[in-house]
């Protein structure tokens, strides 16, 4: 496979890092990865190593304030910072290809970004793979906490509110260790502004889910404690797509592409994509 990297100008002229992997032969389809909160596009090598040898081109970029991209860590002004950057990168990807089908791949917060994006941009893609999407507001979050978070997002936008239980990302200790030791991963608490913007986006997607009409598959760990598995089911149930699939894997944690059973998960996704190109 062939690996390349570079940068482009994103929102507010920030340098946004991107990378892509191309197969040695013809490209069957393009898979555009939208990564999750605090991480970066380089954490998807299981996905890359599975699909590129099969003839797929895999593209990824680091969100503003993430990985190798510029910006305060997890610092955004509004949720559209993510979706507008995705639009710019999508245009670059489309220009570099030759009419091949393009599928969005979103994990966790990336699943929220993809779901939100498809409400308005569904005609641009042939389908989507959505992993453990953050689309459902947890029942354990009180209205008082939500109101406080909105206030803090205005008066103290960079104040850290939420921390991640790293042991919940995967049952593979090596995956957890690499995550903890990765200098490109943000290990601090999620800022108040970002938390408020994520909440707003989740409520918007929940209210508008029926506008998602393209083919998609949702993959979700049944033992995920970082994201409510009910969000994946809600997305599947409410979406307007005639062609939709959900796979809930009993016992798997949050990062199904990094679980010990990831070969089976990736095979399921492979078969789903292959049937739609």
Protein backbone atom coordinates (compact mmCIF):
# COMPACT_ATOMS: atom_id res chain seq x y z
CA UNK A 1 0.00 0.00 0.00
CA UNK A 2 1.02 3.62 -0.50
CA UNK A 3 0.81 6.16 2.34
CA UNK A 4 0.80 9.94 1.89
CA UNK A 5 0.18 12.87 4.22
CA UNK A 6 -0.13 16.64 4.14
CA UNK A 7 -2.21 19.55 5.40
CA UNK A 8 -4.92 21.89 4.17
CA UNK A 9 -6.51 25.08 5.47
CA UNK A 10 -9.52 24.42 7.65
CA UNK A 11 -11.87 26.65 9.62
CA UNK A 12 -10.31 29.96 10.70
CA UNK A 13 -7.31 29.16 8.49
CA UNK A 14 -6.07 26.40 10.82
CA UNK A 15 -3.65 23.86 9.35
CA UNK A 16 -5.49 20.53 9.27
CA UNK A 17 -3.45 17.35 9.00
CA UNK A 18 -4.58 14.59 6.67
CA UNK A 19 -3.29 11.24 5.49
CA UNK A 20 -4.40 8.52 3.13
CA UNK A 21 -3.54 4.99 2.09
CA UNK A 22 -3.95 3.74 -1.48
CA UNK A 23 -3.93 0.16 -2.76
CA UNK A 24 -1.33 -0.94 -5.26
CA UNK A 25 -3.96 -1.59 -7.91
CA UNK A 26 -7.29 -0.09 -8.93
CA UNK A 27 -9.49 1.57 -6.30
CA UNK A 28 -12.85 -0.10 -5.67
CA UNK A 29 -14.19 2.64 -3.40
CA UNK A 30 -13.08 5.40 -1.04
CA UNK A 31 -13.53 5.14 2.74
CA UNK A 32 -13.29 8.51 4.51
CA UNK A 33 -12.66 8.18 8.25
CA UNK A 34 -14.02 10.74 10.73
CA UNK A 35 -12.35 9.96 14.06
CA UNK A 36 -13.62 10.31 17.62
CA UNK A 37 -13.14 12.70 20.52
CA UNK A 38 -9.59 13.38 21.67
CA UNK A 39 -7.96 10.91 19.26
CA UNK A 40 -6.66 11.13 15.70
CA UNK A 41 -6.74 9.49 12.27
CA UNK A 42 -3.67 7.37 12.96
CA UNK A 43 -5.56 5.13 15.40
CA UNK A 44 -7.39 3.27 12.62
CA UNK A 45 -4.64 0.98 11.38
CA UNK A 46 -6.70 -2.18 11.90
CA UNK A 47 -9.24 -0.65 9.53
CA UNK A 48 -6.55 0.50 7.08
CA UNK A 49 -4.72 -2.85 7.09
CA UNK A 50 -7.95 -4.71 6.44
CA UNK A 51 -9.38 -2.62 3.61
CA UNK A 52 -6.44 -1.25 1.61
CA UNK A 53 -5.14 -4.70 0.52
CA UNK A 54 -8.69 -5.42 -0.68
CA UNK A 55 -8.53 -2.48 -3.11
CA UNK A 56 -10.05 0.33 -1.05
CA UNK A 57 -8.55 3.78 -0.60
CA UNK A 58 -8.72 4.99 3.00
CA UNK A 59 -8.58 8.70 3.81
CA UNK A 60 -8.51 10.41 7.19
CA UNK A 61 -7.85 13.76 8.81
CA UNK A 62 -7.36 15.10 12.32
CA UNK A 63 -10.11 17.43 13.56
CA UNK A 64 -9.16 20.94 14.53
CA UNK A 65 -7.63 20.80 18.02
CA UNK A 66 -6.81 17.11 17.62
CA UNK A 67 -3.77 15.04 16.71
CA UNK A 68 -1.41 16.84 14.35
CA UNK A 69 -3.89 19.60 13.43
CA UNK A 70 -3.68 23.15 14.76
CA UNK A 71 -5.94 24.58 17.45
CA UNK A 72 -6.43 24.40 21.21
CA UNK A 73 -6.89 20.79 22.24
CA UNK A 74 -10.58 19.95 21.82
CA UNK A 75 -11.21 23.68 21.50
CA UNK A 76 -14.01 24.71 19.14
CA UNK A 77 -16.34 27.68 18.83
CA UNK A 78 -19.24 25.71 17.42
CA UNK A 79 -20.02 22.18 16.20
CA UNK A 80 -19.85 23.39 12.60
CA UNK A 81 -16.07 23.71 13.07
CA UNK A 82 -16.08 19.94 12.52
CA UNK A 83 -18.64 19.71 9.73
CA UNK A 84 -17.17 22.61 7.73
CA UNK A 85 -13.71 21.05 7.94
CA UNK A 86 -15.19 17.75 6.76
CA UNK A 87 -16.69 19.56 3.76
CA UNK A 88 -13.28 20.96 2.81
CA UNK A 89 -11.57 17.62 3.11
CA UNK A 90 -14.33 15.79 1.23
CA UNK A 91 -13.83 18.17 -1.70
CA UNK A 92 -10.09 17.41 -1.70
CA UNK A 93 -10.74 13.68 -1.61
CA UNK A 94 -13.30 13.82 -4.41
CA UNK A 95 -10.94 15.83 -6.63
CA UNK A 96 -8.17 13.27 -6.13
CA UNK A 97 -10.33 10.31 -7.18
CA UNK A 98 -11.97 9.35 -10.46
CA UNK A 99 -15.62 8.90 -9.65
CA UNK A 100 -15.25 5.96 -7.28
CA UNK A 101 -17.98 5.43 -4.66
CA UNK A 102 -17.29 7.28 -1.41
CA UNK A 103 -18.37 5.99 2.01
CA UNK A 104 -18.13 7.95 5.25
CA UNK A 105 -16.78 6.10 8.30
CA UNK A 106 -17.51 7.76 11.65
CA UNK A 107 -16.59 6.50 15.12
CA UNK A 108 -17.97 7.83 18.45
CA UNK A 109 -17.95 11.65 18.17
CA UNK A 110 -17.10 10.99 14.52
CA UNK A 111 -20.35 9.02 14.35
CA UNK A 112 -22.19 12.09 15.60
CA UNK A 113 -20.40 14.29 13.06
CA UNK A 114 -21.26 11.88 10.23
CA UNK A 115 -24.90 11.57 11.34
CA UNK A 116 -25.23 15.36 11.59
CA UNK A 117 -23.49 15.82 8.23
CA UNK A 118 -25.75 13.37 6.42
CA UNK A 119 -28.83 15.39 7.34
CA UNK A 120 -27.77 17.92 4.67
CA UNK A 121 -25.11 16.17 2.55
CA UNK A 122 -26.57 12.71 1.97
CA UNK A 123 -26.43 13.07 -1.84
CA UNK A 124 -22.62 13.24 -1.79
CA UNK A 125 -22.02 9.71 -0.50
CA UNK A 126 -22.84 6.13 -1.43
CA UNK A 127 -23.20 5.05 2.17
CA UNK A 128 -21.91 5.32 5.71
CA UNK A 129 -20.34 3.10 8.35
CA UNK A 130 -21.16 4.44 11.81
CA UNK A 131 -19.42 3.01 14.88
CA UNK A 132 -20.64 3.62 18.45
CA UNK A 133 -22.22 6.98 17.61
CA UNK A 134 -22.60 9.63 20.32
CA UNK A 135 -26.15 10.54 19.31
CA UNK A 136 -28.20 9.88 22.45
CA UNK A 137 -28.13 12.09 25.55
CA UNK A 138 -27.48 9.85 28.55
CA UNK A 139 -30.44 9.36 30.88
CA UNK A 140 -28.06 9.89 33.82
CA UNK A 141 -27.42 13.55 32.89
CA UNK A 142 -29.82 15.81 34.78
CA UNK A 143 -31.38 19.01 33.42
CA UNK A 144 -29.48 20.94 36.08
CA UNK A 145 -26.17 19.55 34.81
CA UNK A 146 -27.12 20.41 31.24
CA UNK A 147 -28.02 23.98 32.21
CA UNK A 148 -24.78 24.38 34.16
CA UNK A 149 -22.80 23.08 31.20
CA UNK A 150 -24.42 25.60 28.87
CA UNK A 151 -23.58 28.43 31.27
CA UNK A 152 -19.97 27.33 31.65
CA UNK A 153 -19.58 27.04 27.88
CA UNK A 154 -20.13 30.81 27.73
CA UNK A 155 -18.32 32.07 30.84
CA UNK A 156 -15.53 29.45 30.99
CA UNK A 157 -15.44 27.66 27.61
CA UNK A 158 -12.10 25.90 28.19
CA UNK A 159 -12.97 24.62 31.68
CA UNK A 160 -12.59 20.84 31.71
CA UNK A 161 -15.80 19.01 32.61
CA UNK A 162 -15.69 15.38 31.54
CA UNK A 163 -12.93 12.78 31.62
CA UNK A 164 -12.70 9.47 29.76
CA UNK A 165 -12.41 6.04 31.38
CA UNK A 166 -9.57 4.76 29.20
CA UNK A 167 -10.05 1.15 30.31
CA UNK A 168 -13.48 1.20 28.65
CA UNK A 169 -12.21 1.73 25.11
CA UNK A 170 -11.17 -1.90 24.56
CA UNK A 171 -10.78 -5.23 26.36
CA UNK A 172 -7.32 -5.52 24.80
CA UNK A 173 -4.78 -4.21 27.38
CA UNK A 174 -2.30 -3.39 24.59
CA UNK A 175 -4.84 -1.10 22.89
CA UNK A 176 -5.41 0.72 26.18
CA UNK A 177 -1.66 1.06 26.82
CA UNK A 178 -1.01 2.48 23.34
CA UNK A 179 -3.86 4.94 23.85
CA UNK A 180 -2.46 6.10 27.20
CA UNK A 181 1.07 6.41 25.82
CA UNK A 182 0.04 8.14 22.57
CA UNK A 183 1.27 11.78 22.63
CA UNK A 184 -1.23 12.70 19.90
CA UNK A 185 -4.20 11.68 22.07
CA UNK A 186 -5.67 14.39 24.31
CA UNK A 187 -5.84 13.03 27.86
CA UNK A 188 -7.41 16.05 29.58
CA UNK A 189 -11.04 16.73 30.40
CA UNK A 190 -13.47 17.76 27.66
CA UNK A 191 -13.92 21.56 27.70
CA UNK A 192 -17.30 23.06 28.59
CA UNK A 193 -17.81 24.66 25.16
CA UNK A 194 -17.23 21.40 23.32
CA UNK A 195 -19.49 19.49 25.71
CA UNK A 196 -22.29 22.00 25.15
CA UNK A 197 -21.85 21.93 21.37
CA UNK A 198 -21.90 18.13 21.35
CA UNK A 199 -25.10 18.14 23.38
CA UNK A 200 -26.71 20.59 20.97
CA UNK A 201 -25.68 18.44 17.99
CA UNK A 202 -27.01 15.29 19.65
CA UNK A 203 -30.41 16.85 20.25
CA UNK A 204 -30.50 18.11 16.66
CA UNK A 205 -29.67 14.70 15.20
CA UNK A 206 -32.24 13.01 17.46
CA UNK A 207 -34.94 15.39 16.20
CA UNK A 208 -33.96 15.08 12.52
CA UNK A 209 -32.82 11.47 12.14
CA UNK A 210 -35.47 10.62 9.57
CA UNK A 211 -33.61 12.87 7.08
CA UNK A 212 -30.81 10.29 6.88
CA UNK A 213 -31.82 8.37 3.78
CA UNK A 214 -28.62 6.85 2.37
CA UNK A 215 -27.54 3.23 3.01
CA UNK A 216 -25.72 2.82 6.31
CA UNK A 217 -24.54 0.22 8.79
CA UNK A 218 -24.19 0.85 12.53
CA UNK A 219 -21.71 -1.26 14.49
CA UNK A 220 -21.87 -1.09 18.27
CA UNK A 221 -20.30 -2.84 21.22
CA UNK A 222 -22.99 -4.25 23.46
CA UNK A 223 -20.86 -3.70 26.59
CA UNK A 224 -19.93 -0.12 25.69
CA UNK A 225 -19.95 2.07 28.81
CA UNK A 226 -18.57 5.20 27.14
CA UNK A 227 -21.48 5.57 24.73
CA UNK A 228 -25.05 4.41 25.33
CA UNK A 229 -25.67 1.48 22.91
CA UNK A 230 -29.24 2.72 22.79
CA UNK A 231 -28.01 5.54 20.57
CA UNK A 232 -27.05 3.10 17.82
CA UNK A 233 -30.49 1.49 18.06
CA UNK A 234 -32.20 4.88 18.03
CA UNK A 235 -30.29 5.90 14.91
CA UNK A 236 -31.23 2.67 13.17
CA UNK A 237 -34.89 2.81 14.20
CA UNK A 238 -35.52 6.46 13.28
CA UNK A 239 -33.45 6.89 10.11
CA UNK A 240 -35.42 7.22 6.89
CA UNK A 241 -33.07 4.93 4.93
CA UNK A 242 -34.68 2.01 3.16
CA UNK A 243 -31.31 0.25 3.28
CA UNK A 244 -30.00 0.17 6.85
CA UNK A 245 -28.25 -2.41 9.00
CA UNK A 246 -27.33 -2.65 12.66
CA UNK A 247 -24.79 -4.98 14.27
CA UNK A 248 -24.57 -5.04 18.07
CA UNK A 249 -21.71 -7.22 19.30
CA UNK A 250 -22.38 -8.74 22.70
CA UNK A 251 -19.58 -8.17 25.19
CA UNK A 252 -17.54 -5.79 23.03
CA UNK A 253 -16.41 -2.40 24.36
CA UNK A 254 -16.41 1.03 22.72
CA UNK A 255 -13.81 0.68 19.95
CA UNK A 256 -15.12 -2.32 18.02
CA UNK A 257 -12.39 -1.85 15.38
CA UNK A 258 -9.80 -2.31 18.16
CA UNK A 259 -11.39 -5.15 20.10
CA UNK A 260 -9.93 -8.70 20.04
CA UNK A 261 -12.84 -9.62 17.75
CA UNK A 262 -12.10 -6.80 15.29
CA UNK A 263 -11.42 -9.19 12.35
CA UNK A 264 -15.05 -10.32 12.45
CA UNK A 265 -16.36 -6.75 12.81
CA UNK A 266 -14.27 -5.60 9.84
CA UNK A 267 -15.37 -8.62 7.80
CA UNK A 268 -19.01 -7.71 8.46
CA UNK A 269 -18.35 -4.15 7.30
CA UNK A 270 -16.44 -5.44 4.27
CA UNK A 271 -19.35 -7.64 3.19
CA UNK A 272 -21.79 -4.75 3.69
CA UNK A 273 -19.72 -2.37 1.52
CA UNK A 274 -19.03 -4.97 -1.16
CA UNK A 275 -22.77 -5.51 -1.63
CA UNK A 276 -23.24 -1.80 -2.34
CA UNK A 277 -20.57 -1.04 -4.93
